[in-house]
Amino acid sequence: MLSNSHDYVRPVSEAERACLEQLIRADFARCHPGETLEDIKRRASFSKEDKGLLRDWMAIAAIRAAADRIETAFALRPNSRLRSATPVRPQAAPQSPSA
């Protein structure tokens, strides 16, 4: 993982790039109505503002992908507390019989 968004996220393959883009596509559409991620990718080749915007969104995608990997690793560990889907609740104190 690169240290900040000023470093470029460099996916190793087109499949990884597509996976990263999928992680941000819905949020990008919500934050930029009327634009698509493909619009920004196309304009990034000639616009430094769009290149920076795409770089920042891809940094967010890389952070989300790293968080997903960590969460998955903890879920697969034996005896992991994160595996329990139900919270542990304390037992209720026994009620004394009424006289």
N, C-alpha and C. Protein backbone atom coordinates (compact mmCIF):
# COMPACT_ATOMS: atom_id res chain seq x y z
N MET A 1 0.85 -1.18 0.00
CA MET A 1 0.00 0.00 0.00
C MET A 1 0.89 1.23 0.00
N LEU A 2 0.57 2.15 -0.84
CA LEU A 2 1.33 3.39 -0.91
C LEU A 2 0.94 4.30 0.23
N SER A 3 1.83 5.22 0.56
CA SER A 3 1.66 6.00 1.79
C SER A 3 0.60 7.08 1.70
N ASN A 4 0.39 7.68 0.56
CA ASN A 4 -0.63 8.72 0.47
C ASN A 4 -1.17 8.80 -0.96
N SER A 5 -2.17 9.62 -1.16
CA SER A 5 -2.81 9.66 -2.47
C SER A 5 -1.96 10.38 -3.52
N HIS A 6 -0.86 10.99 -3.12
CA HIS A 6 0.01 11.61 -4.11
C HIS A 6 0.88 10.58 -4.80
N ASP A 7 0.99 9.39 -4.20
CA ASP A 7 1.60 8.27 -4.89
C ASP A 7 0.49 7.61 -5.70
N TYR A 8 0.86 7.06 -6.81
CA TYR A 8 -0.15 6.45 -7.65
C TYR A 8 -0.42 5.02 -7.24
N VAL A 9 -1.69 4.63 -7.27
CA VAL A 9 -2.07 3.24 -7.05
C VAL A 9 -1.79 2.54 -8.37
N ARG A 10 -1.01 1.48 -8.32
CA ARG A 10 -0.62 0.79 -9.54
C ARG A 10 -1.14 -0.65 -9.51
N PRO A 11 -2.34 -0.88 -10.01
CA PRO A 11 -2.84 -2.26 -10.05
C PRO A 11 -1.94 -3.11 -10.95
N VAL A 12 -1.74 -4.37 -10.57
CA VAL A 12 -0.86 -5.24 -11.33
C VAL A 12 -1.52 -5.80 -12.58
N SER A 13 -2.84 -5.76 -12.64
CA SER A 13 -3.55 -6.30 -13.80
C SER A 13 -4.84 -5.52 -14.03
N GLU A 14 -5.42 -5.74 -15.18
CA GLU A 14 -6.71 -5.11 -15.48
C GLU A 14 -7.80 -5.67 -14.56
N ALA A 15 -7.67 -6.92 -14.17
CA ALA A 15 -8.66 -7.51 -13.25
C ALA A 15 -8.61 -6.81 -11.89
N GLU A 16 -7.40 -6.52 -11.41
CA GLU A 16 -7.28 -5.81 -10.14
C GLU A 16 -7.81 -4.38 -10.27
N ARG A 17 -7.53 -3.73 -11.39
CA ARG A 17 -8.05 -2.38 -11.62
C ARG A 17 -9.58 -2.39 -11.61
N ALA A 18 -10.17 -3.37 -12.28
CA ALA A 18 -11.63 -3.47 -12.32
C ALA A 18 -12.20 -3.71 -10.92
N CYS A 19 -11.51 -4.52 -10.14
CA CYS A 19 -11.95 -4.79 -8.76
C CYS A 19 -11.89 -3.52 -7.92
N LEU A 20 -10.81 -2.76 -8.04
CA LEU A 20 -10.68 -1.50 -7.29
C LEU A 20 -11.76 -0.52 -7.72
N GLU A 21 -12.00 -0.42 -9.02
CA GLU A 21 -13.02 0.51 -9.50
C GLU A 21 -14.40 0.12 -9.01
N GLN A 22 -14.65 -1.16 -8.90
CA GLN A 22 -15.96 -1.62 -8.41
C GLN A 22 -16.19 -1.18 -6.97
N LEU A 23 -15.11 -1.11 -6.18
CA LEU A 23 -15.23 -0.71 -4.78
C LEU A 23 -15.66 0.75 -4.62
N ILE A 24 -15.41 1.58 -5.61
CA ILE A 24 -15.71 3.02 -5.49
C ILE A 24 -16.80 3.50 -6.43
N ARG A 25 -17.23 2.66 -7.35
CA ARG A 25 -18.15 3.10 -8.40
C ARG A 25 -19.43 3.72 -7.85
N ALA A 26 -20.07 3.09 -6.90
CA ALA A 26 -21.35 3.60 -6.37
C ALA A 26 -21.14 4.92 -5.62
N ASP A 27 -20.09 5.00 -4.81
CA ASP A 27 -19.82 6.24 -4.07
C ASP A 27 -19.45 7.37 -5.02
N PHE A 28 -18.70 7.06 -6.06
CA PHE A 28 -18.33 8.08 -7.04
C PHE A 28 -19.59 8.63 -7.71
N ALA A 29 -20.49 7.75 -8.11
CA ALA A 29 -21.73 8.18 -8.77
C ALA A 29 -22.58 9.04 -7.84
N ARG A 30 -22.59 8.71 -6.56
CA ARG A 30 -23.36 9.49 -5.60
C ARG A 30 -22.73 10.87 -5.37
N CYS A 31 -21.40 10.93 -5.35
CA CYS A 31 -20.71 12.21 -5.11
C CYS A 31 -20.62 13.09 -6.35
N HIS A 32 -20.67 12.48 -7.52
CA HIS A 32 -20.56 13.23 -8.78
C HIS A 32 -21.72 12.87 -9.70
N PRO A 33 -22.92 13.38 -9.41
CA PRO A 33 -24.08 13.04 -10.23
C PRO A 33 -23.87 13.50 -11.68
N GLY A 34 -24.28 12.68 -12.60
CA GLY A 34 -24.15 13.01 -14.01
C GLY A 34 -22.82 12.62 -14.61
N GLU A 35 -21.89 12.15 -13.80
CA GLU A 35 -20.59 11.71 -14.30
C GLU A 35 -20.39 10.25 -13.94
N THR A 36 -19.61 9.59 -14.75
CA THR A 36 -19.26 8.21 -14.45
C THR A 36 -17.76 8.12 -14.24
N LEU A 37 -17.36 7.02 -13.66
CA LEU A 37 -15.93 6.79 -13.47
C LEU A 37 -15.22 6.71 -14.82
N GLU A 38 -15.90 6.20 -15.83
CA GLU A 38 -15.31 6.12 -17.17
C GLU A 38 -15.07 7.52 -17.73
N ASP A 39 -15.96 8.49 -17.43
CA ASP A 39 -15.75 9.87 -17.88
C ASP A 39 -14.46 10.43 -17.30
N ILE A 40 -14.26 10.22 -16.02
CA ILE A 40 -13.06 10.73 -15.35
C ILE A 40 -11.81 10.04 -15.89
N LYS A 41 -11.90 8.73 -16.10
CA LYS A 41 -10.75 8.00 -16.64
C LYS A 41 -10.37 8.53 -18.02
N ARG A 42 -11.35 8.81 -18.84
CA ARG A 42 -11.08 9.33 -20.18
C ARG A 42 -10.46 10.72 -20.10
N ARG A 43 -11.02 11.59 -19.27
CA ARG A 43 -10.50 12.96 -19.16
C ARG A 43 -9.17 13.04 -18.44
N ALA A 44 -8.84 12.04 -17.63
CA ALA A 44 -7.59 12.07 -16.88
C ALA A 44 -6.37 12.06 -17.79
N SER A 45 -6.52 11.60 -19.01
CA SER A 45 -5.38 11.56 -19.92
C SER A 45 -4.95 12.96 -20.36
N PHE A 46 -5.84 13.95 -20.26
CA PHE A 46 -5.46 15.30 -20.67
C PHE A 46 -5.78 16.38 -19.64
N SER A 47 -6.37 16.05 -18.53
CA SER A 47 -6.72 17.04 -17.51
C SER A 47 -6.04 16.69 -16.19
N LYS A 48 -5.20 17.58 -15.69
CA LYS A 48 -4.51 17.28 -14.44
C LYS A 48 -5.48 17.26 -13.26
N GLU A 49 -6.56 18.04 -13.33
CA GLU A 49 -7.56 18.01 -12.26
C GLU A 49 -8.25 16.65 -12.20
N ASP A 50 -8.65 16.13 -13.36
CA ASP A 50 -9.30 14.82 -13.40
C ASP A 50 -8.31 13.70 -13.07
N LYS A 51 -7.06 13.87 -13.44
CA LYS A 51 -6.04 12.88 -13.08
C LYS A 51 -5.90 12.82 -11.56
N GLY A 52 -5.88 13.98 -10.92
CA GLY A 52 -5.80 14.02 -9.46
C GLY A 52 -7.03 13.44 -8.80
N LEU A 53 -8.21 13.74 -9.36
CA LEU A 53 -9.46 13.19 -8.83
C LEU A 53 -9.47 11.67 -8.94
N LEU A 54 -9.07 11.16 -10.09
CA LEU A 54 -9.02 9.71 -10.28
C LEU A 54 -7.99 9.08 -9.33
N ARG A 55 -6.84 9.73 -9.17
CA ARG A 55 -5.80 9.23 -8.27
C ARG A 55 -6.34 9.12 -6.84
N ASP A 56 -7.06 10.16 -6.39
CA ASP A 56 -7.60 10.15 -5.03
C ASP A 56 -8.66 9.06 -4.85
N TRP A 57 -9.53 8.89 -5.83
CA TRP A 57 -10.55 7.84 -5.74
C TRP A 57 -9.91 6.45 -5.75
N MET A 58 -8.87 6.27 -6.56
CA MET A 58 -8.20 4.97 -6.59
C MET A 58 -7.47 4.70 -5.27
N ALA A 59 -6.98 5.74 -4.61
CA ALA A 59 -6.36 5.57 -3.30
C ALA A 59 -7.41 5.10 -2.29
N ILE A 60 -8.61 5.65 -2.37
CA ILE A 60 -9.70 5.20 -1.50
C ILE A 60 -10.01 3.73 -1.78
N ALA A 61 -10.05 3.36 -3.06
CA ALA A 61 -10.32 1.97 -3.41
C ALA A 61 -9.25 1.04 -2.86
N ALA A 62 -7.99 1.46 -2.93
CA ALA A 62 -6.90 0.62 -2.41
C ALA A 62 -7.01 0.45 -0.90
N ILE A 63 -7.41 1.50 -0.21
CA ILE A 63 -7.60 1.41 1.25
C ILE A 63 -8.74 0.46 1.57
N ARG A 64 -9.82 0.56 0.82
CA ARG A 64 -10.96 -0.35 1.05
C ARG A 64 -10.57 -1.80 0.77
N ALA A 65 -9.80 -2.02 -0.29
CA ALA A 65 -9.38 -3.38 -0.62
C ALA A 65 -8.48 -3.95 0.49
N ALA A 66 -7.60 -3.12 1.02
CA ALA A 66 -6.73 -3.57 2.12
C ALA A 66 -7.56 -3.90 3.36
N ALA A 67 -8.56 -3.07 3.65
CA ALA A 67 -9.43 -3.33 4.81
C ALA A 67 -10.21 -4.63 4.61
N ASP A 68 -10.67 -4.88 3.39
CA ASP A 68 -11.38 -6.13 3.11
C ASP A 68 -10.48 -7.34 3.31
N ARG A 69 -9.22 -7.23 2.88
CA ARG A 69 -8.27 -8.34 3.06
C ARG A 69 -8.02 -8.60 4.54
N ILE A 70 -7.89 -7.55 5.33
CA ILE A 70 -7.66 -7.72 6.77
C ILE A 70 -8.88 -8.35 7.42
N GLU A 71 -10.06 -7.87 7.07
CA GLU A 71 -11.29 -8.42 7.64
C GLU A 71 -11.44 -9.89 7.28
N THR A 72 -11.14 -10.24 6.04
CA THR A 72 -11.22 -11.63 5.61
C THR A 72 -10.22 -12.50 6.36
N ALA A 73 -9.00 -11.98 6.54
CA ALA A 73 -7.98 -12.76 7.25
C ALA A 73 -8.41 -13.03 8.68
N PHE A 74 -9.00 -12.05 9.35
CA PHE A 74 -9.46 -12.26 10.73
C PHE A 74 -10.64 -13.23 10.77
N ALA A 75 -11.51 -13.16 9.79
CA ALA A 75 -12.67 -14.04 9.77
C ALA A 75 -12.26 -15.49 9.55
N LEU A 76 -11.16 -15.71 8.87
CA LEU A 76 -10.72 -17.08 8.58
C LEU A 76 -9.84 -17.67 9.66
N ARG A 77 -9.36 -16.83 10.59
CA ARG A 77 -8.51 -17.32 11.68
C ARG A 77 -9.33 -18.15 12.66
N PRO A 78 -8.79 -19.29 13.09
CA PRO A 78 -9.51 -20.05 14.13
C PRO A 78 -9.49 -19.27 15.44
N ASN A 79 -10.54 -19.42 16.21
CA ASN A 79 -10.68 -18.77 17.52
C ASN A 79 -10.71 -17.25 17.41
N SER A 80 -11.12 -16.74 16.30
CA SER A 80 -11.18 -15.29 16.12
C SER A 80 -12.47 -14.76 16.73
N ARG A 81 -12.36 -13.66 17.45
CA ARG A 81 -13.56 -13.05 18.02
C ARG A 81 -14.46 -12.47 16.94
N LEU A 82 -13.87 -12.11 15.79
CA LEU A 82 -14.67 -11.52 14.72
C LEU A 82 -15.57 -12.53 14.04
N ARG A 83 -15.35 -13.81 14.24
CA ARG A 83 -16.17 -14.82 13.59
C ARG A 83 -17.57 -14.89 14.18
N SER A 84 -17.71 -14.52 15.43
CA SER A 84 -19.00 -14.59 16.10
C SER A 84 -19.92 -13.50 15.57
N ALA A 85 -21.04 -13.91 14.99
CA ALA A 85 -21.97 -12.93 14.45
C ALA A 85 -22.93 -12.43 15.52
N THR A 86 -23.09 -13.20 16.60
CA THR A 86 -24.01 -12.78 17.65
C THR A 86 -23.23 -12.28 18.85
N PRO A 87 -23.63 -11.17 19.41
CA PRO A 87 -22.91 -10.65 20.57
C PRO A 87 -23.13 -11.55 21.78
N VAL A 88 -22.14 -11.58 22.64
CA VAL A 88 -22.24 -12.36 23.88
C VAL A 88 -22.99 -11.50 24.88
N ARG A 89 -24.07 -12.05 25.41
CA ARG A 89 -24.89 -11.31 26.37
C ARG A 89 -24.75 -11.96 27.74
N PRO A 90 -24.66 -11.14 28.77
CA PRO A 90 -24.56 -11.72 30.12
C PRO A 90 -25.86 -12.42 30.49
N GLN A 91 -25.72 -13.44 31.30
CA GLN A 91 -26.89 -14.20 31.76
C GLN A 91 -27.69 -13.32 32.73
N ALA A 92 -28.99 -13.43 32.64
CA ALA A 92 -29.86 -12.70 33.58
C ALA A 92 -29.77 -13.35 34.95
N ALA A 93 -29.79 -12.54 35.99
CA ALA A 93 -29.74 -13.06 37.36
C ALA A 93 -31.02 -13.82 37.62
N PRO A 94 -30.92 -14.97 38.32
CA PRO A 94 -32.13 -15.74 38.61
C PRO A 94 -33.06 -14.92 39.53
N GLN A 95 -34.34 -15.03 39.26
CA GLN A 95 -35.31 -14.30 40.06
C GLN A 95 -35.63 -15.10 41.32
N SER A 96 -35.77 -14.37 42.42
CA SER A 96 -36.12 -15.04 43.66
C SER A 96 -37.61 -15.32 43.67
N PRO A 97 -37.99 -16.45 44.25
CA PRO A 97 -39.44 -16.77 44.29
C PRO A 97 -40.19 -15.77 45.17
N SER A 98 -41.35 -15.41 44.70
CA SER A 98 -42.19 -14.47 45.47
C SER A 98 -42.89 -15.22 46.59
N ALA A 99 -43.02 -14.57 47.73
CA ALA A 99 -43.66 -15.20 48.88
C ALA A 99 -45.09 -14.80 49.00
